[in-house]
Amino acid sequence: MKIIKNKSRGITLIALVITIIVLLILVGITISALTGDNRNIWKSARSSIQNKNGRI
């Protein structure tokens, strides 16, 4: 009898953990950019509206 070896390779646990860590870092950066003290995104949107209305 021949022994059949299962050579299927899937995602390893280490690759999965690294992917989750990278995604959490990206989410943290996005949330801090939107709700941070500077609020650069909101300031740029407000100034864009003011430019369209002609109030600088």
PDB file of N, CA and C in Angstrom:
ATOM      1  N   MET A   1       0.826  -1.182   0.000  1.00  0.00           N
ATOM      2  CA  MET A   1       0.000   0.000   0.000  1.00  0.00           C
ATOM      3  C   MET A   1       0.869   1.244   0.000  1.00  0.00           C
ATOM      4  N   LYS A   2       0.411   2.202  -0.757  1.00  0.00           N
ATOM      5  CA  LYS A   2       1.105   3.479  -0.789  1.00  0.00           C
ATOM      6  C   LYS A   2       0.460   4.426   0.213  1.00  0.00           C
ATOM      7  N   ILE A   3       1.304   5.165   0.891  1.00  0.00           N
ATOM      8  CA  ILE A   3       0.797   6.172   1.816  1.00  0.00           C
ATOM      9  C   ILE A   3       0.693   7.490   1.060  1.00  0.00           C
ATOM     10  N   ILE A   4      -0.499   8.047   1.030  1.00  0.00           N
ATOM     11  CA  ILE A   4      -0.727   9.307   0.330  1.00  0.00           C
ATOM     12  C   ILE A   4      -0.501  10.448   1.311  1.00  0.00           C
ATOM     13  N   LYS A   5       0.429  11.305   0.951  1.00  0.00           N
ATOM     14  CA  LYS A   5       0.735  12.453   1.811  1.00  0.00           C
ATOM     15  C   LYS A   5      -0.121  13.641   1.393  1.00  0.00           C
ATOM     16  N   ASN A   6      -0.670  14.285   2.353  1.00  0.00           N
ATOM     17  CA  ASN A   6      -1.489  15.472   2.098  1.00  0.00           C
ATOM     18  C   ASN A   6      -0.563  16.677   2.033  1.00  0.00           C
ATOM     19  N   LYS A   7      -0.369  17.227   0.854  1.00  0.00           N
ATOM     20  CA  LYS A   7       0.545  18.356   0.680  1.00  0.00           C
ATOM     21  C   LYS A   7      -0.198  19.653   0.402  1.00  0.00           C
ATOM     22  N   SER A   8      -1.433  19.728   0.825  1.00  0.00           N
ATOM     23  CA  SER A   8      -2.158  20.976   0.612  1.00  0.00           C
ATOM     24  C   SER A   8      -1.614  22.028   1.569  1.00  0.00           C
ATOM     25  N   ARG A   9      -1.366  23.171   1.029  1.00  0.00           N
ATOM     26  CA  ARG A   9      -0.822  24.268   1.824  1.00  0.00           C
ATOM     27  C   ARG A   9      -1.850  25.380   1.885  1.00  0.00           C
ATOM     28  N   GLY A  10      -2.131  25.810   3.083  1.00  0.00           N
ATOM     29  CA  GLY A  10      -3.105  26.875   3.274  1.00  0.00           C
ATOM     30  C   GLY A  10      -2.448  28.066   3.938  1.00  0.00           C
ATOM     31  N   ILE A  11      -3.269  28.961   4.392  1.00  0.00           N
ATOM     32  CA  ILE A  11      -2.776  30.149   5.085  1.00  0.00           C
ATOM     33  C   ILE A  11      -2.308  29.729   6.469  1.00  0.00           C
ATOM     34  N   THR A  12      -1.107  30.099   6.790  1.00  0.00           N
ATOM     35  CA  THR A  12      -0.599  29.750   8.108  1.00  0.00           C
ATOM     36  C   THR A  12      -1.138  30.720   9.152  1.00  0.00           C
ATOM     37  N   LEU A  13      -1.044  30.321  10.368  1.00  0.00           N
ATOM     38  CA  LEU A  13      -1.532  31.146  11.466  1.00  0.00           C
ATOM     39  C   LEU A  13      -0.730  32.435  11.567  1.00  0.00           C
ATOM     40  N   ILE A  14       0.558  32.362  11.303  1.00  0.00           N
ATOM     41  CA  ILE A  14       1.413  33.552  11.369  1.00  0.00           C
ATOM     42  C   ILE A  14       1.009  34.567  10.303  1.00  0.00           C
ATOM     43  N   ALA A  15       0.744  34.111   9.093  1.00  0.00           N
ATOM     44  CA  ALA A  15       0.319  35.023   8.026  1.00  0.00           C
ATOM     45  C   ALA A  15      -1.011  35.671   8.359  1.00  0.00           C
ATOM     46  N   LEU A  16      -1.896  34.912   8.965  1.00  0.00           N
ATOM     47  CA  LEU A  16      -3.199  35.452   9.345  1.00  0.00           C
ATOM     48  C   LEU A  16      -3.056  36.511  10.430  1.00  0.00           C
ATOM     49  N   VAL A  17      -2.217  36.258  11.419  1.00  0.00           N
ATOM     50  CA  VAL A  17      -2.004  37.228  12.499  1.00  0.00           C
ATOM     51  C   VAL A  17      -1.362  38.499  11.961  1.00  0.00           C
ATOM     52  N   ILE A  18      -0.388  38.376  11.089  1.00  0.00           N
ATOM     53  CA  ILE A  18       0.265  39.557  10.503  1.00  0.00           C
ATOM     54  C   ILE A  18      -0.730  40.379   9.705  1.00  0.00           C
ATOM     55  N   THR A  19      -1.591  39.736   8.943  1.00  0.00           N
ATOM     56  CA  THR A  19      -2.607  40.445   8.165  1.00  0.00           C
ATOM     57  C   THR A  19      -3.568  41.200   9.075  1.00  0.00           C
ATOM     58  N   ILE A  20      -3.994  40.573  10.150  1.00  0.00           N
ATOM     59  CA  ILE A  20      -4.904  41.238  11.080  1.00  0.00           C
ATOM     60  C   ILE A  20      -4.226  42.428  11.742  1.00  0.00           C
ATOM     61  N   ILE A  21      -2.955  42.298  12.113  1.00  0.00           N
ATOM     62  CA  ILE A  21      -2.231  43.407  12.730  1.00  0.00           C
ATOM     63  C   ILE A  21      -2.108  44.579  11.775  1.00  0.00           C
ATOM     64  N   VAL A  22      -1.792  44.311  10.520  1.00  0.00           N
ATOM     65  CA  VAL A  22      -1.674  45.388   9.527  1.00  0.00           C
ATOM     66  C   VAL A  22      -3.014  46.092   9.337  1.00  0.00           C
ATOM     67  N   LEU A  23      -4.090  45.336   9.273  1.00  0.00           N
ATOM     68  CA  LEU A  23      -5.414  45.942   9.120  1.00  0.00           C
ATOM     69  C   LEU A  23      -5.786  46.794  10.336  1.00  0.00           C
ATOM     70  N   LEU A  24      -5.452  46.333  11.526  1.00  0.00           N
ATOM     71  CA  LEU A  24      -5.731  47.123  12.720  1.00  0.00           C
ATOM     72  C   LEU A  24      -4.937  48.424  12.743  1.00  0.00           C
ATOM     73  N   ILE A  25      -3.703  48.384  12.282  1.00  0.00           N
ATOM     74  CA  ILE A  25      -2.898  49.610  12.206  1.00  0.00           C
ATOM     75  C   ILE A  25      -3.516  50.590  11.221  1.00  0.00           C
ATOM     76  N   LEU A  26      -3.947  50.103  10.068  1.00  0.00           N
ATOM     77  CA  LEU A  26      -4.572  50.986   9.077  1.00  0.00           C
ATOM     78  C   LEU A  26      -5.879  51.581   9.597  1.00  0.00           C
ATOM     79  N   VAL A  27      -6.670  50.793  10.297  1.00  0.00           N
ATOM     80  CA  VAL A  27      -7.920  51.302  10.872  1.00  0.00           C
ATOM     81  C   VAL A  27      -7.618  52.359  11.933  1.00  0.00           C
ATOM     82  N   GLY A  28      -6.606  52.125  12.750  1.00  0.00           N
ATOM     83  CA  GLY A  28      -6.233  53.098  13.767  1.00  0.00           C
ATOM     84  C   GLY A  28      -5.778  54.412  13.173  1.00  0.00           C
ATOM     85  N   ILE A  29      -5.005  54.351  12.096  1.00  0.00           N
ATOM     86  CA  ILE A  29      -4.550  55.575  11.436  1.00  0.00           C
ATOM     87  C   ILE A  29      -5.732  56.327  10.837  1.00  0.00           C
ATOM     88  N   THR A  30      -6.655  55.602  10.228  1.00  0.00           N
ATOM     89  CA  THR A  30      -7.822  56.240   9.622  1.00  0.00           C
ATOM     90  C   THR A  30      -8.702  56.899  10.673  1.00  0.00           C
ATOM     91  N   ILE A  31      -8.951  56.208  11.769  1.00  0.00           N
ATOM     92  CA  ILE A  31      -9.797  56.782  12.817  1.00  0.00           C
ATOM     93  C   ILE A  31      -9.140  58.000  13.443  1.00  0.00           C
ATOM     94  N   SER A  32      -7.830  57.930  13.686  1.00  0.00           N
ATOM     95  CA  SER A  32      -7.152  59.079  14.285  1.00  0.00           C
ATOM     96  C   SER A  32      -7.100  60.262  13.318  1.00  0.00           C
ATOM     97  N   ALA A  33      -7.049  59.988  12.021  1.00  0.00           N
ATOM     98  CA  ALA A  33      -7.050  61.083  11.051  1.00  0.00           C
ATOM     99  C   ALA A  33      -8.408  61.767  10.993  1.00  0.00           C
ATOM    100  N   LEU A  34      -9.468  60.994  11.166  1.00  0.00           N
ATOM    101  CA  LEU A  34     -10.813  61.572  11.083  1.00  0.00           C
ATOM    102  C   LEU A  34     -11.241  62.259  12.373  1.00  0.00           C
ATOM    103  N   THR A  35     -10.791  61.772  13.501  1.00  0.00           N
ATOM    104  CA  THR A  35     -11.255  62.316  14.767  1.00  0.00           C
ATOM    105  C   THR A  35     -10.151  62.977  15.580  1.00  0.00           C
ATOM    106  N   GLY A  36      -9.012  63.215  14.968  1.00  0.00           N
ATOM    107  CA  GLY A  36      -7.894  63.793  15.692  1.00  0.00           C
ATOM    108  C   GLY A  36      -8.097  65.258  16.009  1.00  0.00           C
ATOM    109  N   ASP A  37      -7.131  65.844  16.707  1.00  0.00           N
ATOM    110  CA  ASP A  37      -7.215  67.251  17.096  1.00  0.00           C
ATOM    111  C   ASP A  37      -7.126  68.185  15.892  1.00  0.00           C
ATOM    112  N   ASN A  38      -6.369  67.802  14.893  1.00  0.00           N
ATOM    113  CA  ASN A  38      -6.182  68.684  13.739  1.00  0.00           C
ATOM    114  C   ASN A  38      -7.399  68.705  12.828  1.00  0.00           C
ATOM    115  N   ARG A  39      -8.001  67.576  12.675  1.00  0.00           N
ATOM    116  CA  ARG A  39      -9.157  67.421  11.777  1.00  0.00           C
ATOM    117  C   ARG A  39      -8.892  68.049  10.416  1.00  0.00           C
ATOM    118  N   ASN A  40      -7.788  67.657   9.808  1.00  0.00           N
ATOM    119  CA  ASN A  40      -7.385  68.218   8.524  1.00  0.00           C
ATOM    120  C   ASN A  40      -8.393  67.940   7.423  1.00  0.00           C
ATOM    121  N   ILE A  41      -9.021  66.792   7.462  1.00  0.00           N
ATOM    122  CA  ILE A  41      -9.992  66.452   6.417  1.00  0.00           C
ATOM    123  C   ILE A  41     -11.186  67.391   6.496  1.00  0.00           C
ATOM    124  N   TRP A  42     -11.668  67.651   7.721  1.00  0.00           N
ATOM    125  CA  TRP A  42     -12.829  68.533   7.878  1.00  0.00           C
ATOM    126  C   TRP A  42     -12.465  69.966   7.522  1.00  0.00           C
ATOM    127  N   LYS A  43     -11.245  70.407   7.859  1.00  0.00           N
ATOM    128  CA  LYS A  43     -10.827  71.766   7.526  1.00  0.00           C
ATOM    129  C   LYS A  43     -10.729  71.952   6.013  1.00  0.00           C
ATOM    130  N   SER A  44     -10.207  70.938   5.322  1.00  0.00           N
ATOM    131  CA  SER A  44     -10.083  71.061   3.872  1.00  0.00           C
ATOM    132  C   SER A  44     -11.454  71.055   3.208  1.00  0.00           C
ATOM    133  N   ALA A  45     -12.396  70.278   3.737  1.00  0.00           N
ATOM    134  CA  ALA A  45     -13.745  70.267   3.173  1.00  0.00           C
ATOM    135  C   ALA A  45     -14.429  71.610   3.393  1.00  0.00           C
ATOM    136  N   ARG A  46     -14.247  72.189   4.585  1.00  0.00           N
ATOM    137  CA  ARG A  46     -14.861  73.488   4.880  1.00  0.00           C
ATOM    138  C   ARG A  46     -14.275  74.582   3.996  1.00  0.00           C
ATOM    139  N   SER A  47     -12.958  74.569   3.805  1.00  0.00           N
ATOM    140  CA  SER A  47     -12.355  75.598   2.970  1.00  0.00           C
ATOM    141  C   SER A  47     -12.739  75.430   1.510  1.00  0.00           C
ATOM    142  N   SER A  48     -12.971  74.183   1.090  1.00  0.00           N
ATOM    143  CA  SER A  48     -13.419  73.956  -0.282  1.00  0.00           C
ATOM    144  C   SER A  48     -14.811  74.536  -0.490  1.00  0.00           C
ATOM    145  N   ILE A  49     -15.688  74.371   0.476  1.00  0.00           N
ATOM    146  CA  ILE A  49     -17.037  74.939   0.378  1.00  0.00           C
ATOM    147  C   ILE A  49     -16.979  76.462   0.396  1.00  0.00           C
ATOM    148  N   GLN A  50     -16.099  77.007   1.235  1.00  0.00           N
ATOM    149  CA  GLN A  50     -15.981  78.465   1.304  1.00  0.00           C
ATOM    150  C   GLN A  50     -15.437  79.012  -0.020  1.00  0.00           C
ATOM    151  N   ASN A  51     -14.525  78.313  -0.654  1.00  0.00           N
ATOM    152  CA  ASN A  51     -14.011  78.757  -1.943  1.00  0.00           C
ATOM    153  C   ASN A  51     -15.087  78.734  -3.017  1.00  0.00           C
ATOM    154  N   LYS A  52     -15.959  77.735  -2.972  1.00  0.00           N
ATOM    155  CA  LYS A  52     -17.022  77.656  -3.943  1.00  0.00           C
ATOM    156  C   LYS A  52     -18.034  78.797  -3.749  1.00  0.00           C
ATOM    157  N   ASN A  53     -18.233  79.192  -2.504  1.00  0.00           N
ATOM    158  CA  ASN A  53     -19.177  80.263  -2.215  1.00  0.00           C
ATOM    159  C   ASN A  53     -18.540  81.652  -2.355  1.00  0.00           C
ATOM    160  N   GLY A  54     -17.237  81.698  -2.512  1.00  0.00           N
ATOM    161  CA  GLY A  54     -16.569  82.977  -2.687  1.00  0.00           C
ATOM    162  C   GLY A  54     -16.230  83.682  -1.390  1.00  0.00           C
ATOM    163  N   ARG A  55     -16.313  82.998  -0.274  1.00  0.00           N
ATOM    164  CA  ARG A  55     -15.976  83.583   1.032  1.00  0.00           C
ATOM    165  C   ARG A  55     -14.638  83.015   1.487  1.00  0.00           C
ATOM    166  N   ILE A  56     -13.608  83.785   1.335  1.00  0.00           N
ATOM    167  CA  ILE A  56     -12.270  83.326   1.758  1.00  0.00           C
ATOM    168  C   ILE A  56     -11.859  84.098   2.992  1.00  0.00           C
TER     169      ILE A  56
END
